[in-house]
C-alpha cells in the first residue's frame, strides 16, 4: 500500500510541473519590432497590432509619415510611442483598440508636400527619366507621390483640389514621367512642370475653374 502511494505521487508530480510551464507564456509581455522610413502610420499600426494579435480600428483621414525603429519593445510602450509621434490616440473598448486623431495632442502631422522653394527653371529631362519602383496596394495617392519624389529627388506638389484617393501602384524601374502619367491618368488627374523646378499634380476641372475666375 505504501509503495503504491509513492508511485502515485511520482506520477502526479510531472503533471503538476507541466501545468506550471503551460501558464508561463501567458504571463510574458508581448514584444514588438517595427521599423518605418517615411511609412504611413496606418501601415505601422497594422504591423504592430498584427504582431500582438489584437483587434483595432483606425479613424478615416489619418495620415502621418513615420521614421522609427523599435526592436523588442513592449506592445503598450510601442503603441504609446507611435501614437505620441503621429498625434493620434488609441482607446481600448471591449477588447478592440480604436485609433483616432488626438485633438489635444501636441504632435501635428506635417504636410507630405511642402511649399516649393522659389527656384527657377523646369525639372531637367534627366530627372524625369529616373526609374521608379513601387509595390503599393490601396495606398494614399500622397504616399505614392512621396515615394516618387524620394526616389528621384524631384519635388512633387499635390494641389489642394485633389481628393484623398487610394490607388494600387506596382511599377518596376519605370521612368518618372511614365509613372506620373499612369498614376494621374488612372485617378483622372493631370500633372505639369512648374517654373520653379517641381511637378504639380492637380485636378483638371479645378484648374479650369481658377482660370475662368481669373479672366472673368
Protein backbone atom coordinates (compact mmCIF):
# COMPACT_ATOMS: atom_id res chain seq x y z
CA UNK A 1 0.00 0.00 0.00
CA UNK A 2 2.79 2.42 0.91
CA UNK A 3 4.67 1.57 -2.31
CA UNK A 4 1.57 2.31 -4.45
CA UNK A 5 1.16 5.67 -2.73
CA UNK A 6 4.76 6.67 -3.57
CA UNK A 7 4.26 5.72 -7.24
CA UNK A 8 1.07 7.79 -7.41
CA UNK A 9 2.86 10.85 -6.00
CA UNK A 10 5.70 10.46 -8.53
CA UNK A 11 3.23 10.24 -11.41
CA UNK A 12 1.32 13.33 -10.33
CA UNK A 13 4.44 15.46 -9.80
CA UNK A 14 5.39 15.74 -13.52
CA UNK A 15 1.78 16.61 -14.40
CA UNK A 16 1.83 19.49 -11.93
CA UNK A 17 5.11 20.74 -13.40
CA UNK A 18 3.66 20.67 -16.93
CA UNK A 19 0.69 22.71 -15.75
CA UNK A 20 3.00 25.36 -14.30
CA UNK A 21 5.04 25.59 -17.53
CA UNK A 22 1.89 25.98 -19.65
CA UNK A 23 0.83 29.05 -17.68
CA UNK A 24 4.18 30.81 -18.04
CA UNK A 25 3.88 32.10 -21.67
CA UNK A 26 0.62 33.86 -20.89
CA UNK A 27 2.46 35.89 -18.28
CA UNK A 28 5.15 37.05 -20.72
CA UNK A 29 4.54 40.55 -22.11
CA UNK A 30 4.09 40.84 -25.89
CA UNK A 31 7.08 42.49 -27.54
CA UNK A 32 7.02 44.33 -30.85
CA UNK A 33 9.62 45.01 -33.54
CA UNK A 34 8.69 47.59 -36.17
CA UNK A 35 10.59 49.93 -38.45
CA UNK A 36 9.50 52.77 -40.72
CA UNK A 37 11.29 55.09 -43.11
CA UNK A 38 8.64 57.57 -44.15
CA UNK A 39 5.92 54.89 -43.84
CA UNK A 40 2.31 55.91 -43.24
CA UNK A 41 1.26 55.46 -39.60
CA UNK A 42 -1.65 53.22 -40.68
CA UNK A 43 0.76 50.62 -42.05
CA UNK A 44 2.90 50.81 -38.91
CA UNK A 45 -0.19 50.29 -36.75
CA UNK A 46 -1.25 47.33 -38.87
CA UNK A 47 2.16 45.72 -38.37
CA UNK A 48 2.10 46.49 -34.65
CA UNK A 49 -1.39 45.07 -33.99
CA UNK A 50 -0.78 42.07 -36.25
CA UNK A 51 2.29 41.07 -34.26
CA UNK A 52 0.37 41.47 -31.00
CA UNK A 53 -2.67 39.63 -32.45
CA UNK A 54 -5.03 42.36 -31.30
CA UNK A 55 -8.10 43.86 -32.99
CA UNK A 56 -8.13 47.53 -33.96
CA UNK A 57 -9.97 50.18 -35.98
CA UNK A 58 -8.41 53.36 -37.43
CA UNK A 59 -10.40 56.54 -37.96
CA UNK A 60 -10.53 57.60 -41.66
CA UNK A 61 -8.43 60.55 -42.76
CA UNK A 62 -5.39 59.83 -40.58
CA UNK A 63 -2.01 60.19 -42.25
CA UNK A 64 1.49 60.70 -40.87
CA UNK A 65 4.87 59.68 -42.31
CA UNK A 66 6.78 57.87 -39.56
CA UNK A 67 10.53 57.36 -39.18
CA UNK A 68 11.34 54.93 -36.38
CA UNK A 69 12.92 51.61 -35.46
CA UNK A 70 11.68 49.68 -32.42
CA UNK A 71 13.22 46.31 -31.57
CA UNK A 72 11.79 44.02 -28.89
CA UNK A 73 9.69 46.77 -27.29
CA UNK A 74 6.68 46.03 -25.10
CA UNK A 75 3.45 46.36 -27.08
CA UNK A 76 1.91 49.04 -24.85
CA UNK A 77 5.09 51.11 -24.95
CA UNK A 78 5.44 50.75 -28.73
CA UNK A 79 1.80 51.79 -29.23
CA UNK A 80 2.28 54.80 -26.95
CA UNK A 81 5.37 55.91 -28.90
CA UNK A 82 3.67 55.60 -32.29
CA UNK A 83 0.59 57.48 -31.08
CA UNK A 84 2.62 60.28 -29.50
CA UNK A 85 4.76 60.85 -32.60
CA UNK A 86 1.82 60.70 -35.03
CA UNK A 87 -0.52 62.83 -32.90
CA UNK A 88 -3.17 60.12 -32.50
CA UNK A 89 -4.67 58.26 -29.56
CA UNK A 90 -5.69 54.63 -29.02
CA UNK A 91 -8.61 53.75 -26.76
CA UNK A 92 -9.43 50.16 -25.72
CA UNK A 93 -13.14 49.31 -25.78
CA UNK A 94 -14.46 45.76 -25.41
CA UNK A 95 -11.13 44.28 -26.45
CA UNK A 96 -10.82 46.46 -29.58
CA UNK A 97 -8.40 49.38 -29.97
CA UNK A 98 -9.91 52.49 -31.58
CA UNK A 99 -7.26 54.80 -33.07
CA UNK A 100 -8.32 58.41 -33.75
CA UNK A 101 -6.85 61.89 -34.08
CA UNK A 102 -5.73 63.34 -30.80
CA UNK A 103 -7.14 66.87 -30.84
CA UNK A 104 -5.44 67.63 -27.56
CA UNK A 105 -2.06 66.20 -28.57
CA UNK A 106 0.94 68.39 -29.19
CA UNK A 107 2.14 66.49 -32.22
CA UNK A 108 0.88 67.74 -35.55
CA UNK A 109 1.19 65.92 -38.84
CA UNK A 110 3.48 67.64 -41.28
CA UNK A 111 2.20 68.01 -44.84
CA UNK A 112 3.64 65.47 -47.22
CA UNK A 113 4.35 68.15 -49.80
CA UNK A 114 5.91 71.34 -48.54
CA UNK A 115 5.55 74.64 -50.39
CA UNK A 116 8.02 74.56 -53.27
CA UNK A 117 11.10 76.74 -52.93
CA UNK A 118 11.04 79.56 -55.45
CA UNK A 119 13.74 78.30 -57.76
CA UNK A 120 13.82 78.99 -61.47
CA UNK A 121 13.55 76.66 -64.44
CA UNK A 122 11.80 73.34 -65.02
CA UNK A 123 12.71 69.86 -63.87
CA UNK A 124 15.60 68.58 -66.06
CA UNK A 125 14.80 65.79 -68.57
CA UNK A 126 17.35 63.58 -66.82
CA UNK A 127 15.30 63.73 -63.61
CA UNK A 128 12.11 62.81 -65.48
CA UNK A 129 13.90 59.75 -66.83
CA UNK A 130 14.94 58.45 -63.40
CA UNK A 131 13.47 54.97 -62.69
CA UNK A 132 10.70 54.36 -60.15
CA UNK A 133 9.94 51.09 -58.38
CA UNK A 134 6.88 50.81 -56.14
CA UNK A 135 4.82 47.96 -54.78
CA UNK A 136 1.97 49.73 -53.03
CA UNK A 137 -1.56 48.36 -52.70
CA UNK A 138 -4.52 50.57 -51.72
CA UNK A 139 -2.09 53.32 -50.78
CA UNK A 140 -2.84 57.01 -50.34
CA UNK A 141 -2.04 58.96 -53.51
CA UNK A 142 0.08 61.31 -51.40
CA UNK A 143 2.11 58.33 -50.18
CA UNK A 144 2.69 57.09 -53.75
CA UNK A 145 3.83 60.50 -54.97
CA UNK A 146 6.03 60.93 -51.91
CA UNK A 147 7.75 57.68 -52.86
CA UNK A 148 8.29 59.03 -56.39
CA UNK A 149 9.86 62.18 -55.02
CA UNK A 150 12.08 60.33 -52.57
CA UNK A 151 13.46 58.01 -55.27
CA UNK A 152 14.16 60.76 -57.80
CA UNK A 153 14.88 63.81 -55.66
CA UNK A 154 12.18 65.75 -57.50
CA UNK A 155 9.74 67.93 -55.55
CA UNK A 156 6.15 66.87 -56.32
CA UNK A 157 3.38 69.23 -55.23
CA UNK A 158 -0.14 67.90 -54.67
CA UNK A 159 -2.77 70.56 -55.34
CA UNK A 160 -5.40 71.03 -52.64
CA UNK A 161 -8.13 70.29 -55.17
CA UNK A 162 -7.06 66.63 -55.36
CA UNK A 163 -9.25 64.30 -53.23
CA UNK A 164 -7.72 61.72 -50.88
CA UNK A 165 -7.51 58.95 -53.48
CA UNK A 166 -6.25 55.43 -52.78
CA UNK A 167 -4.58 53.57 -55.63
CA UNK A 168 -2.53 50.48 -56.47
CA UNK A 169 0.93 51.35 -57.73
CA UNK A 170 3.03 48.42 -58.95
CA UNK A 171 5.85 49.83 -61.06
CA UNK A 172 9.23 48.29 -61.83
CA UNK A 173 12.01 50.64 -62.97
CA UNK A 174 9.53 52.92 -64.72
CA UNK A 175 10.74 56.42 -65.73
CA UNK A 176 9.30 59.16 -63.52
CA UNK A 177 7.40 60.80 -66.40
CA UNK A 178 5.77 57.49 -67.38
CA UNK A 179 4.98 56.65 -63.76
CA UNK A 180 3.29 60.02 -63.24
CA UNK A 181 1.34 59.61 -66.48
CA UNK A 182 0.00 56.20 -65.42
CA UNK A 183 -0.92 57.27 -61.89
CA UNK A 184 -2.57 60.58 -62.80
CA UNK A 185 -4.47 59.06 -65.73
CA UNK A 186 -5.84 56.29 -63.51
CA UNK A 187 -7.04 58.86 -60.97
CA UNK A 188 -8.45 61.31 -63.53
CA UNK A 189 -5.76 63.86 -62.72
CA UNK A 190 -3.02 65.67 -64.62
CA UNK A 191 0.48 66.96 -63.92
CA UNK A 192 2.63 69.79 -65.21
CA UNK A 193 6.17 71.07 -64.81
CA UNK A 194 6.31 74.33 -62.89
CA UNK A 195 8.80 77.12 -63.42
CA UNK A 196 10.38 76.53 -60.01
CA UNK A 197 11.80 73.04 -60.54
CA UNK A 198 8.88 71.00 -59.30
CA UNK A 199 5.98 68.94 -60.64
CA UNK A 200 2.39 69.84 -59.76
CA UNK A 201 -0.35 67.20 -59.71
CA UNK A 202 -3.83 68.69 -59.99
CA UNK A 203 -7.45 68.05 -60.92
CA UNK A 204 -8.08 69.48 -64.42
CA UNK A 205 -11.62 70.70 -63.67
CA UNK A 206 -10.42 72.70 -60.67
CA UNK A 207 -7.62 74.27 -62.69
CA UNK A 208 -10.07 75.37 -65.41
CA UNK A 209 -12.31 76.94 -62.78
CA UNK A 210 -9.43 79.01 -61.46
CA UNK A 211 -8.54 80.26 -64.94
CA UNK A 212 -12.16 81.26 -65.63
CA UNK A 213 -12.40 83.12 -62.33
CA UNK A 214 -9.19 84.98 -63.06
CA UNK A 215 -10.28 86.07 -66.55
CA UNK A 216 -13.96 86.70 -65.82
